[in-house]
Amino acid sequence: MQRRKFSREFKLEAVRLVKDRGVAVAQAARDLNLHENVLRKWVRDLSADPQHAFPGHGQMKPEQLEIDRLRKEVAKLKAERDILKKAAAYFAREVT
């Protein structure tokens, strides 16, 4: 079974249905053919960060972009450190 994808507009309308019109989450989920937990997550995501909610496929929130950049930097620094450790061990063996 293939995973369904929903547009940002669809998610916003689904959340508006719950928040603005007062429809119960369970009823709205049944009407939209969604799992109740999915709709609850959408409501929670929009409440937490309305500006960056539902960024879309391949797009990340600014915080996630920063975390990704820092992870890459940490990996690079660890590789450089390991190279220097090996070089120090190699030259220490030659001296003695």
Protein backbone atom coordinates (compact mmCIF):
# COMPACT_ATOMS: atom_id res chain seq x y z
CA MET A 1 0.00 0.00 0.00
CA GLN A 2 1.35 3.40 -0.96
CA ARG A 3 1.51 6.27 1.50
CA ARG A 4 -0.94 9.08 0.80
CA LYS A 5 0.35 12.63 0.47
CA PHE A 6 -1.68 15.69 1.40
CA SER A 7 -1.11 19.27 0.32
CA ARG A 8 -0.54 22.07 2.78
CA GLU A 9 -3.92 23.55 1.83
CA PHE A 10 -5.72 20.30 2.58
CA LYS A 11 -4.09 20.08 6.00
CA LEU A 12 -4.94 23.70 6.79
CA GLU A 13 -8.57 23.18 5.79
CA ALA A 14 -8.79 20.01 7.87
CA VAL A 15 -7.44 21.84 10.93
CA ARG A 16 -9.81 24.78 10.31
CA LEU A 17 -12.69 22.33 10.21
CA VAL A 18 -11.79 21.23 13.74
CA LYS A 19 -10.74 24.57 15.22
CA ASP A 20 -13.02 27.14 13.59
CA ARG A 21 -16.17 25.14 12.94
CA GLY A 22 -15.98 23.10 16.15
CA VAL A 23 -16.27 19.72 14.49
CA ALA A 24 -14.98 16.89 16.67
CA VAL A 25 -11.62 15.47 15.61
CA ALA A 26 -13.06 11.97 15.37
CA GLN A 27 -15.92 13.10 13.13
CA ALA A 28 -13.70 15.25 10.91
CA ALA A 29 -11.23 12.38 10.53
CA ARG A 30 -14.03 10.03 9.46
CA ASP A 31 -15.41 12.60 7.00
CA LEU A 32 -11.97 13.19 5.46
CA ASN A 33 -11.03 9.50 5.47
CA LEU A 34 -8.06 10.08 7.77
CA HIS A 35 -6.84 8.38 10.89
CA GLU A 36 -7.81 10.34 13.97
CA ASN A 37 -4.21 10.55 15.21
CA VAL A 38 -3.06 12.09 11.92
CA LEU A 39 -5.57 14.90 12.25
CA ARG A 40 -4.66 15.44 15.91
CA LYS A 41 -0.99 15.74 14.91
CA TRP A 42 -1.86 18.31 12.24
CA VAL A 43 -3.80 20.36 14.80
CA ARG A 44 -0.89 20.13 17.26
CA ASP A 45 1.71 21.06 14.60
CA LEU A 46 -0.26 24.10 13.46
CA SER A 47 -0.80 25.27 17.04
CA ALA A 48 2.88 24.89 17.90
CA ASP A 49 4.31 26.77 14.90
CA PRO A 50 1.76 28.23 12.45
CA GLN A 51 4.39 29.87 10.24
CA HIS A 52 6.45 26.72 9.60
CA ALA A 53 3.76 24.05 9.90
CA PHE A 54 3.53 21.64 6.98
CA PRO A 55 6.68 22.74 5.13
CA GLY A 56 6.17 20.25 2.29
CA HIS A 57 8.19 17.46 0.75
CA GLY A 58 11.92 18.11 0.78
CA GLN A 59 11.68 21.30 2.79
CA MET A 60 12.75 21.57 6.41
CA LYS A 61 12.06 23.95 9.21
CA PRO A 62 14.92 26.40 9.91
CA GLU A 63 15.76 24.60 13.16
CA GLN A 64 16.01 21.28 11.36
CA LEU A 65 18.27 22.81 8.69
CA GLU A 66 20.61 24.08 11.42
CA ILE A 67 20.65 20.68 13.14
CA ASP A 68 21.46 18.99 9.82
CA ARG A 69 24.29 21.46 9.12
CA LEU A 70 25.75 20.94 12.60
CA ARG A 71 25.62 17.15 12.25
CA LYS A 72 27.60 17.35 9.01
CA GLU A 73 30.13 19.65 10.65
CA VAL A 74 30.53 17.29 13.62
CA ALA A 75 31.14 14.35 11.26
CA LYS A 76 33.78 16.33 9.37
CA LEU A 77 35.53 17.40 12.58
CA LYS A 78 35.56 13.81 13.88
CA ALA A 79 37.14 12.62 10.64
CA GLU A 80 39.82 15.33 10.87
CA ARG A 81 40.48 14.43 14.50
CA ASP A 82 40.86 10.75 13.65
CA ILE A 83 43.33 11.56 10.87
CA LEU A 84 45.41 13.67 13.25
CA LYS A 85 45.36 10.90 15.88
CA LYS A 86 46.63 8.37 13.37
CA ALA A 87 49.32 10.74 12.13
CA ALA A 88 50.48 11.47 15.70
CA ALA A 89 50.65 7.73 16.46
CA TYR A 90 52.60 7.09 13.25
CA PHE A 91 55.20 9.78 13.92
CA ALA A 92 55.50 8.80 17.59
CA ARG A 93 56.45 5.25 16.48
CA GLU A 94 59.18 6.52 14.16
CA VAL A 95 60.88 8.61 16.85
CA THR A 96 61.34 5.74 19.29
